[in-house]
Amino acid sequence: MENKLTTSLVGLNALVCGSTSGIGRSTAQEFAESGASVTLFARNEEKLKKTLSTLQSLNENPHQYLVGDFNNPSNIQKTFESHILSGNKYHILINNSGGPKGGFIVDAQTSEFIEGFNRHLICNHILTQSVLPGMRDQQFGRIINIISTSVKQPIQGLGVSNTIRGAVASWAKTLSFEVAKDEITVNNILPGYTDTDRLSSLIQAKSKSE
């Protein structure tokens, strides 16, 4: 049975990252169907346009998109700071982006860890710092991080990903203590195996290595 969001999001603005495929895209569509105004944030503009068109068919709110590469934190910061300075405020932030490639941790290059931290922890932090002033003004905020079940139990063959996901979980818990007084909550979603492009790419990579 397909689960649908039953909470009304009418009057709320949501920023959904990694929103052109998989969990991010489905989240954006569910939010729009529940009445939110959604801003999509991803790197492929053509896919963003296609996803935006699906939101416009779900409600008449002014949805929009931003183009940014989460492998480049300075690009994300520049793009989003300009967006916030234009007067945009958010009630909901969904931190979500594609995970690091698979592989054993003993074989991982230091550059893979740096790339993973940039894409996840650093970009999450940049976006969170940018939306927090608006959330505090509103005395309402929901920050949701899409991570992985590997936070509870590391998954064999995902060495870099396990490491990065654990760091994001610790960052989120620390953040939650600091912003609770402002009526802002921070939660982590820990999806397991989900039929997404990410899972397909991991399966293909594993098949090639065997």
N, C-alpha and C. Protein backbone atom coordinates (compact mmCIF):
# COMPACT_ATOMS: atom_id res chain seq x y z
N MET A 1 0.85 -1.20 0.00
CA MET A 1 0.00 0.00 0.00
C MET A 1 0.89 1.25 0.00
N GLU A 2 0.56 2.19 -0.85
CA GLU A 2 1.34 3.41 -0.95
C GLU A 2 0.97 4.35 0.19
N ASN A 3 2.01 4.85 0.90
CA ASN A 3 1.77 5.78 2.00
C ASN A 3 1.77 7.21 1.49
N LYS A 4 0.81 7.99 1.95
CA LYS A 4 0.70 9.39 1.55
C LYS A 4 0.83 10.29 2.77
N LEU A 5 1.43 11.45 2.57
CA LEU A 5 1.55 12.43 3.64
C LEU A 5 0.17 12.99 3.95
N THR A 6 -0.23 12.92 5.21
CA THR A 6 -1.57 13.37 5.59
C THR A 6 -1.57 14.73 6.27
N THR A 7 -0.39 15.24 6.62
CA THR A 7 -0.30 16.55 7.27
C THR A 7 -0.41 17.66 6.23
N SER A 8 -1.21 18.68 6.51
CA SER A 8 -1.32 19.81 5.59
C SER A 8 -0.08 20.69 5.69
N LEU A 9 0.48 21.04 4.55
CA LEU A 9 1.64 21.94 4.49
C LEU A 9 1.27 23.26 3.82
N VAL A 10 0.00 23.57 3.78
CA VAL A 10 -0.47 24.82 3.18
C VAL A 10 0.15 26.00 3.92
N GLY A 11 0.71 26.94 3.16
CA GLY A 11 1.32 28.12 3.75
C GLY A 11 2.77 27.95 4.13
N LEU A 12 3.33 26.76 3.91
CA LEU A 12 4.73 26.50 4.27
C LEU A 12 5.61 26.45 3.03
N ASN A 13 6.84 26.93 3.19
CA ASN A 13 7.84 26.90 2.12
C ASN A 13 8.86 25.81 2.43
N ALA A 14 9.12 24.95 1.47
CA ALA A 14 10.05 23.84 1.67
C ALA A 14 11.16 23.87 0.63
N LEU A 15 12.39 23.69 1.10
CA LEU A 15 13.55 23.54 0.22
C LEU A 15 13.94 22.07 0.23
N VAL A 16 13.94 21.45 -0.95
CA VAL A 16 14.25 20.03 -1.06
C VAL A 16 15.48 19.85 -1.94
N CYS A 17 16.54 19.33 -1.35
CA CYS A 17 17.80 19.14 -2.09
C CYS A 17 17.83 17.76 -2.75
N GLY A 18 18.61 17.67 -3.82
CA GLY A 18 18.69 16.41 -4.54
C GLY A 18 17.33 15.97 -5.03
N SER A 19 16.58 16.93 -5.58
CA SER A 19 15.14 16.72 -5.80
C SER A 19 14.75 16.38 -7.23
N THR A 20 15.69 15.90 -8.04
CA THR A 20 15.34 15.54 -9.42
C THR A 20 15.18 14.03 -9.61
N SER A 21 15.45 13.26 -8.57
CA SER A 21 15.29 11.81 -8.69
C SER A 21 15.14 11.19 -7.30
N GLY A 22 14.73 9.95 -7.28
CA GLY A 22 14.71 9.17 -6.06
C GLY A 22 13.89 9.76 -4.92
N ILE A 23 14.42 9.63 -3.72
CA ILE A 23 13.73 10.08 -2.51
C ILE A 23 13.48 11.58 -2.54
N GLY A 24 14.44 12.35 -3.02
CA GLY A 24 14.28 13.80 -3.06
C GLY A 24 13.13 14.23 -3.96
N ARG A 25 13.03 13.64 -5.12
CA ARG A 25 11.96 13.98 -6.06
C ARG A 25 10.59 13.59 -5.49
N SER A 26 10.51 12.41 -4.92
CA SER A 26 9.25 11.96 -4.34
C SER A 26 8.83 12.85 -3.17
N THR A 27 9.81 13.28 -2.37
CA THR A 27 9.52 14.17 -1.25
C THR A 27 8.96 15.49 -1.73
N ALA A 28 9.59 16.06 -2.75
CA ALA A 28 9.12 17.33 -3.30
C ALA A 28 7.69 17.21 -3.80
N GLN A 29 7.39 16.12 -4.47
CA GLN A 29 6.04 15.92 -5.01
C GLN A 29 5.02 15.72 -3.89
N GLU A 30 5.39 14.98 -2.86
CA GLU A 30 4.48 14.78 -1.72
C GLU A 30 4.21 16.11 -1.02
N PHE A 31 5.25 16.92 -0.86
CA PHE A 31 5.08 18.22 -0.21
C PHE A 31 4.14 19.11 -1.01
N ALA A 32 4.33 19.13 -2.32
CA ALA A 32 3.46 19.95 -3.17
C ALA A 32 2.02 19.45 -3.10
N GLU A 33 1.85 18.15 -3.11
CA GLU A 33 0.51 17.57 -3.04
C GLU A 33 -0.17 17.92 -1.72
N SER A 34 0.64 18.15 -0.67
CA SER A 34 0.10 18.50 0.65
C SER A 34 -0.03 20.00 0.85
N GLY A 35 0.27 20.78 -0.21
CA GLY A 35 0.00 22.21 -0.17
C GLY A 35 1.17 23.13 0.00
N ALA A 36 2.40 22.60 0.08
CA ALA A 36 3.57 23.45 0.28
C ALA A 36 4.00 24.14 -1.01
N SER A 37 4.72 25.23 -0.84
CA SER A 37 5.46 25.85 -1.95
C SER A 37 6.87 25.28 -1.91
N VAL A 38 7.31 24.68 -2.99
CA VAL A 38 8.55 23.91 -2.98
C VAL A 38 9.62 24.57 -3.85
N THR A 39 10.83 24.62 -3.29
CA THR A 39 12.00 25.01 -4.07
C THR A 39 12.87 23.78 -4.26
N LEU A 40 13.12 23.42 -5.50
CA LEU A 40 13.98 22.30 -5.84
C LEU A 40 15.42 22.77 -5.91
N PHE A 41 16.36 21.92 -5.49
CA PHE A 41 17.77 22.30 -5.54
C PHE A 41 18.57 21.09 -5.98
N ALA A 42 19.18 21.17 -7.17
CA ALA A 42 19.99 20.08 -7.71
C ALA A 42 20.89 20.66 -8.81
N ARG A 43 21.67 19.81 -9.45
CA ARG A 43 22.66 20.33 -10.40
C ARG A 43 22.24 20.24 -11.87
N ASN A 44 21.26 19.40 -12.19
CA ASN A 44 20.86 19.21 -13.58
C ASN A 44 19.63 20.04 -13.89
N GLU A 45 19.82 21.13 -14.65
CA GLU A 45 18.72 22.06 -14.87
C GLU A 45 17.59 21.44 -15.69
N GLU A 46 17.91 20.60 -16.65
CA GLU A 46 16.85 19.98 -17.45
C GLU A 46 15.95 19.10 -16.58
N LYS A 47 16.57 18.33 -15.70
CA LYS A 47 15.79 17.49 -14.80
C LYS A 47 15.00 18.34 -13.80
N LEU A 48 15.58 19.46 -13.39
CA LEU A 48 14.87 20.37 -12.49
C LEU A 48 13.61 20.91 -13.15
N LYS A 49 13.72 21.28 -14.41
CA LYS A 49 12.56 21.81 -15.14
C LYS A 49 11.46 20.76 -15.25
N LYS A 50 11.85 19.52 -15.51
CA LYS A 50 10.86 18.45 -15.64
C LYS A 50 10.17 18.19 -14.30
N THR A 51 10.96 18.18 -13.22
CA THR A 51 10.37 17.96 -11.90
C THR A 51 9.48 19.12 -11.51
N LEU A 52 9.91 20.34 -11.83
CA LEU A 52 9.10 21.52 -11.52
C LEU A 52 7.73 21.43 -12.18
N SER A 53 7.69 20.94 -13.40
CA SER A 53 6.41 20.84 -14.11
C SER A 53 5.46 19.88 -13.41
N THR A 54 6.00 18.85 -12.76
CA THR A 54 5.13 17.92 -12.04
C THR A 54 4.55 18.59 -10.79
N LEU A 55 5.31 19.48 -10.16
CA LEU A 55 4.81 20.18 -8.97
C LEU A 55 3.69 21.14 -9.35
N GLN A 56 3.86 21.78 -10.49
CA GLN A 56 2.87 22.78 -10.93
C GLN A 56 1.53 22.14 -11.24
N SER A 57 1.54 20.84 -11.49
CA SER A 57 0.28 20.14 -11.74
C SER A 57 -0.39 19.69 -10.44
N LEU A 58 0.33 19.81 -9.32
CA LEU A 58 -0.19 19.35 -8.03
C LEU A 58 -0.84 20.45 -7.22
N ASN A 59 -0.34 21.68 -7.34
CA ASN A 59 -1.00 22.82 -6.72
C ASN A 59 -0.59 24.09 -7.45
N GLU A 60 -1.23 25.19 -7.14
CA GLU A 60 -1.00 26.44 -7.88
C GLU A 60 -0.01 27.36 -7.18
N ASN A 61 0.71 26.86 -6.21
CA ASN A 61 1.69 27.68 -5.50
C ASN A 61 2.86 28.04 -6.40
N PRO A 62 3.61 29.09 -6.05
CA PRO A 62 4.77 29.50 -6.85
C PRO A 62 6.00 28.65 -6.55
N HIS A 63 6.10 27.49 -7.17
CA HIS A 63 7.27 26.63 -7.01
C HIS A 63 8.44 27.19 -7.84
N GLN A 64 9.65 26.82 -7.46
CA GLN A 64 10.84 27.32 -8.17
C GLN A 64 11.98 26.31 -8.02
N TYR A 65 13.09 26.59 -8.71
CA TYR A 65 14.26 25.71 -8.56
C TYR A 65 15.54 26.52 -8.53
N LEU A 66 16.57 25.92 -7.94
CA LEU A 66 17.91 26.48 -7.90
C LEU A 66 18.88 25.44 -8.46
N VAL A 67 19.88 25.90 -9.20
CA VAL A 67 20.88 25.00 -9.77
C VAL A 67 22.17 25.12 -8.96
N GLY A 68 22.67 23.99 -8.47
CA GLY A 68 23.92 24.01 -7.72
C GLY A 68 24.52 22.62 -7.64
N ASP A 69 25.85 22.57 -7.61
CA ASP A 69 26.58 21.30 -7.55
C ASP A 69 27.05 21.06 -6.12
N PHE A 70 26.54 20.04 -5.48
CA PHE A 70 26.87 19.77 -4.08
C PHE A 70 28.29 19.24 -3.90
N ASN A 71 29.00 19.00 -4.98
CA ASN A 71 30.42 18.69 -4.89
C ASN A 71 31.25 19.96 -4.75
N ASN A 72 30.59 21.10 -4.86
CA ASN A 72 31.27 22.40 -4.82
C ASN A 72 30.59 23.29 -3.77
N PRO A 73 30.97 23.16 -2.49
CA PRO A 73 30.31 23.92 -1.43
C PRO A 73 30.32 25.43 -1.63
N SER A 74 31.39 25.97 -2.18
CA SER A 74 31.44 27.42 -2.38
C SER A 74 30.39 27.86 -3.39
N ASN A 75 30.12 27.02 -4.39
CA ASN A 75 29.06 27.29 -5.36
C ASN A 75 27.69 27.27 -4.69
N ILE A 76 27.48 26.28 -3.84
CA ILE A 76 26.22 26.17 -3.11
C ILE A 76 26.02 27.39 -2.21
N GLN A 77 27.07 27.78 -1.52
CA GLN A 77 26.96 28.92 -0.61
C GLN A 77 26.64 30.21 -1.36
N LYS A 78 27.33 30.44 -2.45
CA LYS A 78 27.10 31.66 -3.24
C LYS A 78 25.68 31.69 -3.79
N THR A 79 25.25 30.57 -4.36
CA THR A 79 23.91 30.50 -4.96
C THR A 79 22.82 30.71 -3.91
N PHE A 80 22.97 30.04 -2.78
CA PHE A 80 21.88 30.08 -1.81
C PHE A 80 21.87 31.36 -0.99
N GLU A 81 23.03 31.92 -0.69
CA GLU A 81 23.06 33.19 0.03
C GLU A 81 22.37 34.27 -0.79
N SER A 82 22.61 34.28 -2.10
CA SER A 82 21.95 35.24 -2.98
C SER A 82 20.44 35.03 -2.96
N HIS A 83 20.03 33.78 -2.93
CA HIS A 83 18.61 33.43 -2.90
C HIS A 83 17.96 33.94 -1.61
N ILE A 84 18.63 33.76 -0.49
CA ILE A 84 18.10 34.21 0.80
C ILE A 84 18.06 35.74 0.87
N LEU A 85 19.09 36.37 0.35
CA LEU A 85 19.13 37.84 0.35
C LEU A 85 18.01 38.43 -0.50
N SER A 86 17.47 37.63 -1.41
CA SER A 86 16.35 38.09 -2.24
C SER A 86 15.02 38.02 -1.50
N GLY A 87 15.07 37.59 -0.24
CA GLY A 87 13.86 37.58 0.59
C GLY A 87 13.20 36.24 0.79
N ASN A 88 13.84 35.18 0.33
CA ASN A 88 13.25 33.85 0.48
C ASN A 88 13.48 33.29 1.89
N LYS A 89 12.43 32.76 2.49
CA LYS A 89 12.51 32.12 3.80
C LYS A 89 11.87 30.74 3.73
N TYR A 90 12.35 29.85 4.60
CA TYR A 90 11.85 28.47 4.56
C TYR A 90 11.41 27.98 5.93
N HIS A 91 10.37 27.17 5.91
CA HIS A 91 9.89 26.49 7.11
C HIS A 91 10.47 25.09 7.21
N ILE A 92 10.79 24.51 6.05
CA ILE A 92 11.26 23.12 5.99
C ILE A 92 12.50 23.04 5.10
N LEU A 93 13.53 22.33 5.58
CA LEU A 93 14.73 22.06 4.79
C LEU A 93 14.95 20.56 4.75
N ILE A 94 15.05 20.02 3.54
CA ILE A 94 15.38 18.61 3.35
C ILE A 94 16.81 18.53 2.81
N ASN A 95 17.74 18.10 3.66
CA ASN A 95 19.12 17.91 3.24
C ASN A 95 19.26 16.51 2.64
N ASN A 96 19.60 16.46 1.36
CA ASN A 96 19.63 15.18 0.66
C ASN A 96 20.51 15.31 -0.58
N SER A 97 21.42 14.38 -0.76
CA SER A 97 22.22 14.34 -1.99
C SER A 97 22.77 12.93 -2.18
N GLY A 98 23.25 12.65 -3.38
CA GLY A 98 23.73 11.31 -3.70
C GLY A 98 24.91 10.90 -2.84
N GLY A 99 24.91 9.65 -2.43
CA GLY A 99 25.95 9.16 -1.54
C GLY A 99 27.27 8.89 -2.24
N PRO A 100 28.34 8.74 -1.44
CA PRO A 100 29.66 8.39 -2.00
C PRO A 100 29.62 7.03 -2.69
N LYS A 101 30.56 6.80 -3.59
CA LYS A 101 30.61 5.52 -4.29
C LYS A 101 30.97 4.41 -3.30
N GLY A 102 30.60 3.19 -3.68
CA GLY A 102 30.89 2.05 -2.83
C GLY A 102 32.37 1.67 -2.86
N GLY A 103 32.73 0.78 -1.95
CA GLY A 103 34.10 0.31 -1.87
C GLY A 103 34.53 0.09 -0.43
N PHE A 104 35.58 -0.71 -0.25
CA PHE A 104 36.09 -0.97 1.09
C PHE A 104 36.88 0.22 1.60
N ILE A 105 36.79 0.46 2.91
CA ILE A 105 37.41 1.64 3.48
C ILE A 105 38.94 1.58 3.38
N VAL A 106 39.51 0.38 3.41
CA VAL A 106 40.97 0.27 3.33
C VAL A 106 41.49 0.69 1.96
N ASP A 107 40.63 0.67 0.96
CA ASP A 107 41.03 1.06 -0.39
C ASP A 107 40.69 2.50 -0.73
N ALA A 108 40.00 3.18 0.17
CA ALA A 108 39.51 4.54 -0.12
C ALA A 108 40.64 5.56 -0.13
N GLN A 109 40.57 6.48 -1.10
CA GLN A 109 41.51 7.58 -1.17
C GLN A 109 41.02 8.72 -0.27
N THR A 110 41.96 9.51 0.25
CA THR A 110 41.56 10.63 1.10
C THR A 110 40.65 11.60 0.35
N SER A 111 40.85 11.70 -0.96
CA SER A 111 40.02 12.60 -1.76
C SER A 111 38.55 12.17 -1.74
N GLU A 112 38.29 10.88 -1.59
CA GLU A 112 36.91 10.39 -1.53
C GLU A 112 36.22 10.85 -0.25
N PHE A 113 36.97 10.87 0.86
CA PHE A 113 36.41 11.36 2.12
C PHE A 113 36.13 12.86 2.04
N ILE A 114 37.06 13.60 1.45
CA ILE A 114 36.88 15.05 1.32
C ILE A 114 35.66 15.35 0.47
N GLU A 115 35.52 14.64 -0.65
CA GLU A 115 34.37 14.84 -1.53
C GLU A 115 33.06 14.51 -0.81
N GLY A 116 33.08 13.42 -0.05
CA GLY A 116 31.88 13.02 0.69
C GLY A 116 31.50 14.02 1.77
N PHE A 117 32.49 14.49 2.51
CA PHE A 117 32.21 15.49 3.55
C PHE A 117 31.68 16.78 2.92
N ASN A 118 32.27 17.18 1.82
CA ASN A 118 31.79 18.39 1.14
C ASN A 118 30.34 18.25 0.70
N ARG A 119 30.03 17.14 0.07
CA ARG A 119 28.70 16.94 -0.51
C ARG A 119 27.61 16.83 0.57
N HIS A 120 27.97 16.25 1.68
CA HIS A 120 26.97 16.00 2.71
C HIS A 120 27.10 16.95 3.90
N LEU A 121 28.09 16.76 4.72
CA LEU A 121 28.18 17.55 5.96
C LEU A 121 28.35 19.04 5.69
N ILE A 122 29.28 19.41 4.84
CA ILE A 122 29.56 20.83 4.62
C ILE A 122 28.39 21.53 3.94
N CYS A 123 27.83 20.94 2.90
CA CYS A 123 26.68 21.56 2.22
C CYS A 123 25.46 21.60 3.13
N ASN A 124 25.25 20.54 3.91
CA ASN A 124 24.15 20.58 4.89
C ASN A 124 24.30 21.76 5.83
N HIS A 125 25.52 21.96 6.30
CA HIS A 125 25.80 23.03 7.26
C HIS A 125 25.59 24.41 6.63
N ILE A 126 26.05 24.57 5.41
CA ILE A 126 25.88 25.85 4.70
C ILE A 126 24.40 26.18 4.55
N LEU A 127 23.62 25.23 4.09
CA LEU A 127 22.19 25.47 3.87
C LEU A 127 21.47 25.72 5.19
N THR A 128 21.82 24.96 6.20
CA THR A 128 21.18 25.13 7.51
C THR A 128 21.46 26.51 8.08
N GLN A 129 22.71 26.94 8.03
CA GLN A 129 23.04 28.27 8.53
C GLN A 129 22.28 29.36 7.78
N SER A 130 22.03 29.12 6.51
CA SER A 130 21.34 30.13 5.70
C SER A 130 19.85 30.21 6.01
N VAL A 131 19.22 29.07 6.32
CA VAL A 131 17.77 29.10 6.58
C VAL A 131 17.43 29.38 8.04
N LEU A 132 18.38 29.20 8.94
CA LEU A 132 18.09 29.34 10.37
C LEU A 132 17.55 30.72 10.77
N PRO A 133 18.13 31.83 10.27
CA PRO A 133 17.59 33.13 10.68
C PRO A 133 16.10 33.28 10.38
N GLY A 134 15.66 32.83 9.21
CA GLY A 134 14.25 32.90 8.85
C GLY A 134 13.40 32.00 9.73
N MET A 135 13.91 30.81 10.03
CA MET A 135 13.17 29.90 10.91
C MET A 135 13.04 30.48 12.31
N ARG A 136 14.09 31.10 12.78
CA ARG A 136 14.04 31.72 14.11
C ARG A 136 13.06 32.88 14.14
N ASP A 137 13.03 33.67 13.08
CA ASP A 137 12.06 34.77 13.01
C ASP A 137 10.63 34.24 13.10
N GLN A 138 10.40 33.09 12.46
CA GLN A 138 9.06 32.49 12.41
C GLN A 138 8.75 31.65 13.64
N GLN A 139 9.82 31.38 14.45
CA GLN A 139 9.69 30.45 15.58
C GLN A 139 9.09 29.12 15.13
N PHE A 140 9.59 28.67 13.99
CA PHE A 140 9.16 27.38 13.45
C PHE A 140 10.17 26.92 12.41
N GLY A 141 10.57 25.67 12.51
CA GLY A 141 11.46 25.12 11.50
C GLY A 141 11.55 23.61 11.60
N ARG A 142 11.68 22.98 10.46
CA ARG A 142 11.86 21.53 10.40
C ARG A 142 13.04 21.24 9.48
N ILE A 143 14.11 20.73 10.06
CA ILE A 143 15.31 20.36 9.29
C ILE A 143 15.39 18.84 9.28
N ILE A 144 15.36 18.27 8.08
CA ILE A 144 15.31 16.82 7.95
C ILE A 144 16.46 16.37 7.05
N ASN A 145 17.27 15.46 7.56
CA ASN A 145 18.43 14.96 6.84
C ASN A 145 18.18 13.53 6.37
N ILE A 146 18.31 13.31 5.08
CA ILE A 146 18.17 11.95 4.54
C ILE A 146 19.55 11.30 4.62
N ILE A 147 19.67 10.30 5.48
CA ILE A 147 21.00 9.69 5.69
C ILE A 147 20.96 8.22 5.25
N SER A 148 21.06 7.28 6.18
CA SER A 148 21.10 5.86 5.82
C SER A 148 21.01 5.01 7.08
N THR A 149 20.55 3.79 6.93
CA THR A 149 20.55 2.86 8.06
C THR A 149 21.97 2.55 8.53
N SER A 150 22.97 2.88 7.73
CA SER A 150 24.36 2.62 8.12
C SER A 150 24.77 3.42 9.35
N VAL A 151 23.97 4.42 9.74
CA VAL A 151 24.22 5.16 10.97
C VAL A 151 24.11 4.21 12.17
N LYS A 152 23.19 3.25 12.08
CA LYS A 152 23.01 2.29 13.17
C LYS A 152 23.94 1.09 13.04
N GLN A 153 24.15 0.65 11.82
CA GLN A 153 25.01 -0.50 11.57
C GLN A 153 25.73 -0.31 10.24
N PRO A 154 27.07 -0.11 10.26
CA PRO A 154 27.81 0.09 9.01
C PRO A 154 27.53 -1.03 8.01
N ILE A 155 27.44 -0.65 6.75
CA ILE A 155 27.15 -1.60 5.67
C ILE A 155 28.45 -1.99 4.99
N GLN A 156 28.71 -3.28 4.90
CA GLN A 156 29.95 -3.75 4.29
C GLN A 156 30.03 -3.29 2.83
N GLY A 157 31.19 -2.77 2.46
CA GLY A 157 31.40 -2.32 1.09
C GLY A 157 31.02 -0.88 0.84
N LEU A 158 30.61 -0.17 1.90
CA LEU A 158 30.29 1.27 1.78
C LEU A 158 31.11 2.06 2.80
N GLY A 159 32.41 1.84 2.77
CA GLY A 159 33.30 2.41 3.79
C GLY A 159 33.23 3.91 3.94
N VAL A 160 33.36 4.63 2.83
CA VAL A 160 33.34 6.09 2.89
C VAL A 160 31.95 6.57 3.29
N SER A 161 30.94 5.99 2.70
CA SER A 161 29.57 6.39 3.00
C SER A 161 29.24 6.18 4.47
N ASN A 162 29.61 5.03 5.04
CA ASN A 162 29.36 4.79 6.46
C ASN A 162 29.97 5.89 7.33
N THR A 163 31.19 6.27 6.99
CA THR A 163 31.91 7.28 7.77
C THR A 163 31.22 8.63 7.69
N ILE A 164 30.86 9.03 6.48
CA ILE A 164 30.23 10.34 6.27
C ILE A 164 28.86 10.39 6.93
N ARG A 165 28.08 9.34 6.76
CA ARG A 165 26.72 9.32 7.33
C ARG A 165 26.76 9.44 8.85
N GLY A 166 27.73 8.77 9.48
CA GLY A 166 27.86 8.86 10.92
C GLY A 166 28.18 10.27 11.38
N ALA A 167 29.03 10.96 10.62
CA ALA A 167 29.37 12.34 10.96
C ALA A 167 28.16 13.25 10.84
N VAL A 168 27.36 13.05 9.79
CA VAL A 168 26.15 13.87 9.61
C VAL A 168 25.17 13.64 10.76
N ALA A 169 25.03 12.40 11.20
CA ALA A 169 24.12 12.10 12.30
C ALA A 169 24.56 12.81 13.58
N SER A 170 25.85 12.82 13.86
CA SER A 170 26.36 13.50 15.06
C SER A 170 26.17 15.01 14.95
N TRP A 171 26.42 15.55 13.77
CA TRP A 171 26.20 16.98 13.52
C TRP A 171 24.74 17.34 13.77
N ALA A 172 23.84 16.52 13.26
CA ALA A 172 22.41 16.79 13.38
C ALA A 172 21.95 16.75 14.84
N LYS A 173 22.44 15.78 15.59
CA LYS A 173 22.05 15.67 17.00
C LYS A 173 22.54 16.89 17.78
N THR A 174 23.77 17.30 17.52
CA THR A 174 24.32 18.48 18.18
C THR A 174 23.50 19.72 17.84
N LEU A 175 23.17 19.86 16.56
CA LEU A 175 22.37 20.99 16.10
C LEU A 175 21.01 21.01 16.78
N SER A 176 20.41 19.85 16.94
CA SER A 176 19.06 19.78 17.52
C SER A 176 19.02 20.36 18.93
N PHE A 177 20.09 20.14 19.70
CA PHE A 177 20.15 20.70 21.05
C PHE A 177 20.17 22.23 21.01
N GLU A 178 20.87 22.77 20.03
CA GLU A 178 21.11 24.21 19.97
C GLU A 178 19.92 25.01 19.46
N VAL A 179 19.08 24.41 18.64
CA VAL A 179 17.98 25.17 18.03
C VAL A 179 16.61 24.83 18.59
N ALA A 180 16.54 23.89 19.52
CA ALA A 180 15.24 23.49 20.07
C ALA A 180 14.51 24.65 20.72
N LYS A 181 15.25 25.56 21.34
CA LYS A 181 14.63 26.71 22.03
C LYS A 181 13.90 27.63 21.06
N ASP A 182 14.21 27.54 19.79
CA ASP A 182 13.58 28.38 18.77
C ASP A 182 12.44 27.65 18.05
N GLU A 183 11.97 26.56 18.64
CA GLU A 183 10.88 25.76 18.04
C GLU A 183 11.28 25.17 16.69
N ILE A 184 12.56 24.82 16.58
CA ILE A 184 13.09 24.19 15.37
C ILE A 184 13.50 22.77 15.72
N THR A 185 13.04 21.81 14.95
CA THR A 185 13.42 20.42 15.18
C THR A 185 14.38 19.96 14.08
N VAL A 186 15.23 19.02 14.45
CA VAL A 186 16.18 18.42 13.51
C VAL A 186 16.03 16.91 13.60
N ASN A 187 15.72 16.29 12.49
CA ASN A 187 15.52 14.83 12.48
C ASN A 187 16.26 14.20 11.31
N ASN A 188 16.62 12.94 11.50
CA ASN A 188 17.27 12.17 10.45
C ASN A 188 16.35 11.06 9.97
N ILE A 189 16.27 10.90 8.66
CA ILE A 189 15.57 9.77 8.05
C ILE A 189 16.63 8.76 7.62
N LEU A 190 16.45 7.50 8.00
CA LEU A 190 17.46 6.48 7.72
C LEU A 190 16.90 5.42 6.78
N PRO A 191 16.83 5.73 5.48
CA PRO A 191 16.28 4.75 4.54
C PRO A 191 17.20 3.55 4.36
N GLY A 192 16.60 2.40 4.18
CA GLY A 192 17.36 1.21 3.84
C GLY A 192 17.42 1.08 2.32
N TYR A 193 17.41 -0.14 1.82
CA TYR A 193 17.47 -0.34 0.38
C TYR A 193 16.19 0.18 -0.27
N THR A 194 16.35 1.15 -1.16
CA THR A 194 15.22 1.80 -1.82
C THR A 194 15.48 1.80 -3.32
N ASP A 195 14.46 1.57 -4.10
CA ASP A 195 14.61 1.48 -5.56
C ASP A 195 14.86 2.86 -6.15
N THR A 196 16.13 3.27 -6.14
CA THR A 196 16.54 4.56 -6.67
C THR A 196 17.72 4.38 -7.62
N ASP A 197 18.09 5.46 -8.31
CA ASP A 197 19.27 5.41 -9.18
C ASP A 197 20.53 5.10 -8.38
N ARG A 198 20.59 5.59 -7.15
CA ARG A 198 21.72 5.34 -6.26
C ARG A 198 21.90 3.84 -6.03
N LEU A 199 20.83 3.14 -5.69
CA LEU A 199 20.91 1.71 -5.45
C LEU A 199 21.33 0.97 -6.71
N SER A 200 20.78 1.35 -7.84
CA SER A 200 21.13 0.70 -9.11
C SER A 200 22.61 0.85 -9.41
N SER A 201 23.16 2.05 -9.16
CA SER A 201 24.58 2.29 -9.45
C SER A 201 25.47 1.47 -8.52
N LEU A 202 25.07 1.30 -7.26
CA LEU A 202 25.85 0.49 -6.33
C LEU A 202 25.83 -0.98 -6.74
N ILE A 203 24.68 -1.47 -7.17
CA ILE A 203 24.56 -2.86 -7.59
C ILE A 203 25.42 -3.12 -8.83
N GLN A 204 25.39 -2.19 -9.78
CA GLN A 204 26.19 -2.33 -11.00
C GLN A 204 27.67 -2.31 -10.68
N ALA A 205 28.09 -1.42 -9.78
CA ALA A 205 29.50 -1.32 -9.41
C ALA A 205 29.97 -2.60 -8.72
N LYS A 206 29.11 -3.16 -7.87
CA LYS A 206 29.46 -4.40 -7.17
C LYS A 206 29.57 -5.55 -8.16
N SER A 207 28.68 -5.60 -9.14
CA SER A 207 28.71 -6.67 -10.14
C SER A 207 30.00 -6.62 -10.96
N LYS A 208 30.45 -5.42 -11.29
CA LYS A 208 31.67 -5.26 -12.09
C LYS A 208 32.91 -5.67 -11.32
N SER A 209 32.86 -5.51 -9.99
CA SER A 209 34.04 -5.80 -9.17
C SER A 209 34.17 -7.28 -8.85
N GLU A 210 33.10 -8.05 -9.10
CA GLU A 210 33.12 -9.47 -8.75
C GLU A 210 33.49 -10.35 -9.94
